Amino acid sequence: MPAQLTPVERDSEGELPLVTRTLLIVAPAVLAAAALRSRSSRGTSSSRTGTSGSSPFSG
């Protein structure tokens, strides 16, 4: 006998789920921080890391 799935009741108050709210708040902040970091370290990136790559993961 196959398992029967019951539908999950959703709040119809128009409230966003926690994950969606968190992403809407965090994603723009991360993008802004990355943009400001790349703009502020544009002149000193090659002397600090020793490489000419501009990867955000290069540290």
N, C-alpha and C. Protein backbone atom coordinates (compact mmCIF):
# COMPACT_ATOMS: atom_id res chain seq x y z
N MET A 1 0.85 -1.19 0.00
CA MET A 1 0.00 0.00 0.00
C MET A 1 0.89 1.24 0.00
N PRO A 2 0.77 2.12 -1.00
CA PRO A 2 1.63 3.31 -1.05
C PRO A 2 1.28 4.32 0.04
N ALA A 3 2.32 5.02 0.48
CA ALA A 3 2.11 6.05 1.50
C ALA A 3 1.30 7.20 0.92
N GLN A 4 0.41 7.72 1.73
CA GLN A 4 -0.42 8.82 1.26
C GLN A 4 0.14 10.14 1.79
N LEU A 5 0.36 11.06 0.89
CA LEU A 5 0.91 12.36 1.27
C LEU A 5 -0.22 13.32 1.58
N THR A 6 -0.08 14.01 2.67
CA THR A 6 -1.09 15.02 3.02
C THR A 6 -0.53 16.39 2.66
N PRO A 7 -1.34 17.25 2.08
CA PRO A 7 -0.85 18.57 1.70
C PRO A 7 -0.50 19.42 2.93
N VAL A 8 0.56 20.21 2.77
CA VAL A 8 0.99 21.09 3.85
C VAL A 8 0.14 22.35 3.80
N GLU A 9 -0.41 22.71 4.93
CA GLU A 9 -1.22 23.92 4.98
C GLU A 9 -0.31 25.14 5.04
N ARG A 10 -0.60 26.09 4.19
CA ARG A 10 0.21 27.30 4.15
C ARG A 10 -0.59 28.45 4.74
N ASP A 11 0.12 29.35 5.38
CA ASP A 11 -0.53 30.55 5.91
C ASP A 11 -0.96 31.43 4.76
N SER A 12 -2.19 31.82 4.76
CA SER A 12 -2.70 32.66 3.67
C SER A 12 -2.67 34.14 4.05
N GLU A 13 -1.81 34.49 4.99
CA GLU A 13 -1.71 35.88 5.43
C GLU A 13 -0.77 36.70 4.55
N GLY A 14 -0.17 36.08 3.55
CA GLY A 14 0.74 36.79 2.67
C GLY A 14 2.14 36.91 3.23
N GLU A 15 2.44 36.22 4.29
CA GLU A 15 3.76 36.31 4.91
C GLU A 15 4.73 35.39 4.17
N LEU A 16 5.92 35.90 3.90
CA LEU A 16 6.93 35.11 3.20
C LEU A 16 7.57 34.11 4.14
N PRO A 17 7.99 32.97 3.62
CA PRO A 17 8.71 32.00 4.46
C PRO A 17 10.02 32.59 4.97
N LEU A 18 10.54 31.99 6.02
CA LEU A 18 11.75 32.49 6.64
C LEU A 18 12.94 32.48 5.69
N VAL A 19 13.08 31.44 4.90
CA VAL A 19 14.21 31.34 3.97
C VAL A 19 14.13 32.45 2.92
N THR A 20 12.94 32.71 2.41
CA THR A 20 12.78 33.76 1.40
C THR A 20 13.08 35.13 1.99
N ARG A 21 12.58 35.38 3.18
CA ARG A 21 12.87 36.66 3.82
C ARG A 21 14.36 36.84 4.09
N THR A 22 15.01 35.76 4.53
CA THR A 22 16.44 35.83 4.81
C THR A 22 17.23 36.12 3.53
N LEU A 23 16.88 35.44 2.44
CA LEU A 23 17.58 35.68 1.18
C LEU A 23 17.35 37.10 0.67
N LEU A 24 16.14 37.62 0.83
CA LEU A 24 15.86 38.97 0.36
C LEU A 24 16.66 40.02 1.15
N ILE A 25 16.99 39.70 2.38
CA ILE A 25 17.76 40.65 3.19
C ILE A 25 19.26 40.47 2.99
N VAL A 26 19.71 39.22 2.93
CA VAL A 26 21.15 38.94 2.90
C VAL A 26 21.76 39.13 1.51
N ALA A 27 21.05 38.71 0.46
CA ALA A 27 21.62 38.76 -0.89
C ALA A 27 22.04 40.17 -1.32
N PRO A 28 21.19 41.19 -1.18
CA PRO A 28 21.64 42.54 -1.57
C PRO A 28 22.81 43.04 -0.72
N ALA A 29 22.83 42.66 0.55
CA ALA A 29 23.93 43.09 1.42
C ALA A 29 25.25 42.46 0.98
N VAL A 30 25.21 41.18 0.62
CA VAL A 30 26.43 40.50 0.16
C VAL A 30 26.91 41.09 -1.15
N LEU A 31 25.98 41.35 -2.07
CA LEU A 31 26.37 41.94 -3.35
C LEU A 31 26.94 43.35 -3.16
N ALA A 32 26.35 44.12 -2.29
CA ALA A 32 26.86 45.47 -2.04
C ALA A 32 28.25 45.41 -1.40
N ALA A 33 28.44 44.51 -0.46
CA ALA A 33 29.75 44.38 0.18
C ALA A 33 30.81 43.95 -0.83
N ALA A 34 30.45 43.03 -1.73
CA ALA A 34 31.40 42.59 -2.74
C ALA A 34 31.74 43.73 -3.70
N ALA A 35 30.75 44.52 -4.07
CA ALA A 35 30.99 45.64 -4.97
C ALA A 35 31.87 46.70 -4.31
N LEU A 36 31.60 47.00 -3.06
CA LEU A 36 32.41 47.99 -2.35
C LEU A 36 33.83 47.48 -2.12
N ARG A 37 33.96 46.19 -1.84
CA ARG A 37 35.29 45.63 -1.61
C ARG A 37 36.12 45.66 -2.88
N SER A 38 35.51 45.32 -4.01
CA SER A 38 36.27 45.31 -5.25
C SER A 38 36.62 46.74 -5.68
N ARG A 39 35.73 47.69 -5.38
CA ARG A 39 36.02 49.07 -5.76
C ARG A 39 37.12 49.67 -4.88
N SER A 40 37.11 49.33 -3.58
CA SER A 40 38.10 49.91 -2.68
C SER A 40 39.47 49.27 -2.83
N SER A 41 39.52 48.00 -3.26
CA SER A 41 40.81 47.32 -3.38
C SER A 41 41.28 47.23 -4.82
N ARG A 42 40.73 48.06 -5.70
CA ARG A 42 41.10 47.98 -7.12
C ARG A 42 42.57 48.33 -7.33
N GLY A 43 43.08 49.34 -6.65
CA GLY A 43 44.46 49.76 -6.85
C GLY A 43 45.47 48.93 -6.09
N THR A 44 45.04 48.24 -5.05
CA THR A 44 46.00 47.51 -4.21
C THR A 44 45.85 46.01 -4.31
N SER A 45 45.01 45.50 -5.22
CA SER A 45 44.78 44.06 -5.26
C SER A 45 46.01 43.29 -5.73
N SER A 46 46.76 43.82 -6.69
CA SER A 46 47.92 43.08 -7.20
C SER A 46 49.07 43.10 -6.20
N SER A 47 49.25 44.17 -5.44
CA SER A 47 50.35 44.22 -4.49
C SER A 47 50.04 43.43 -3.22
N ARG A 48 48.77 43.29 -2.90
CA ARG A 48 48.42 42.58 -1.67
C ARG A 48 48.48 41.07 -1.85
N THR A 49 47.93 40.56 -2.95
CA THR A 49 47.86 39.11 -3.13
C THR A 49 49.01 38.58 -4.00
N GLY A 50 49.59 39.43 -4.81
CA GLY A 50 50.67 38.99 -5.67
C GLY A 50 50.19 38.40 -6.98
N THR A 51 48.89 38.37 -7.21
CA THR A 51 48.34 37.86 -8.46
C THR A 51 47.51 38.94 -9.11
N SER A 52 47.31 38.81 -10.41
CA SER A 52 46.53 39.81 -11.11
C SER A 52 45.07 39.43 -11.22
N GLY A 53 44.68 38.24 -10.75
CA GLY A 53 43.29 37.80 -10.81
C GLY A 53 42.43 38.58 -9.84
N SER A 54 41.17 38.78 -10.20
CA SER A 54 40.28 39.53 -9.33
C SER A 54 39.15 38.64 -8.82
N SER A 55 39.47 37.40 -8.47
CA SER A 55 38.46 36.49 -7.97
C SER A 55 38.10 36.87 -6.54
N PRO A 56 36.81 36.87 -6.20
CA PRO A 56 36.43 37.21 -4.82
C PRO A 56 36.85 36.13 -3.83
N PHE A 57 37.25 34.94 -4.32
CA PHE A 57 37.64 33.87 -3.43
C PHE A 57 39.14 33.82 -3.22
N SER A 58 39.90 34.75 -3.80
CA SER A 58 41.34 34.71 -3.68
C SER A 58 41.82 35.18 -2.30
N GLY A 59 40.94 35.88 -1.56
CA GLY A 59 41.28 36.24 -0.19
C GLY A 59 42.06 37.50 -0.16
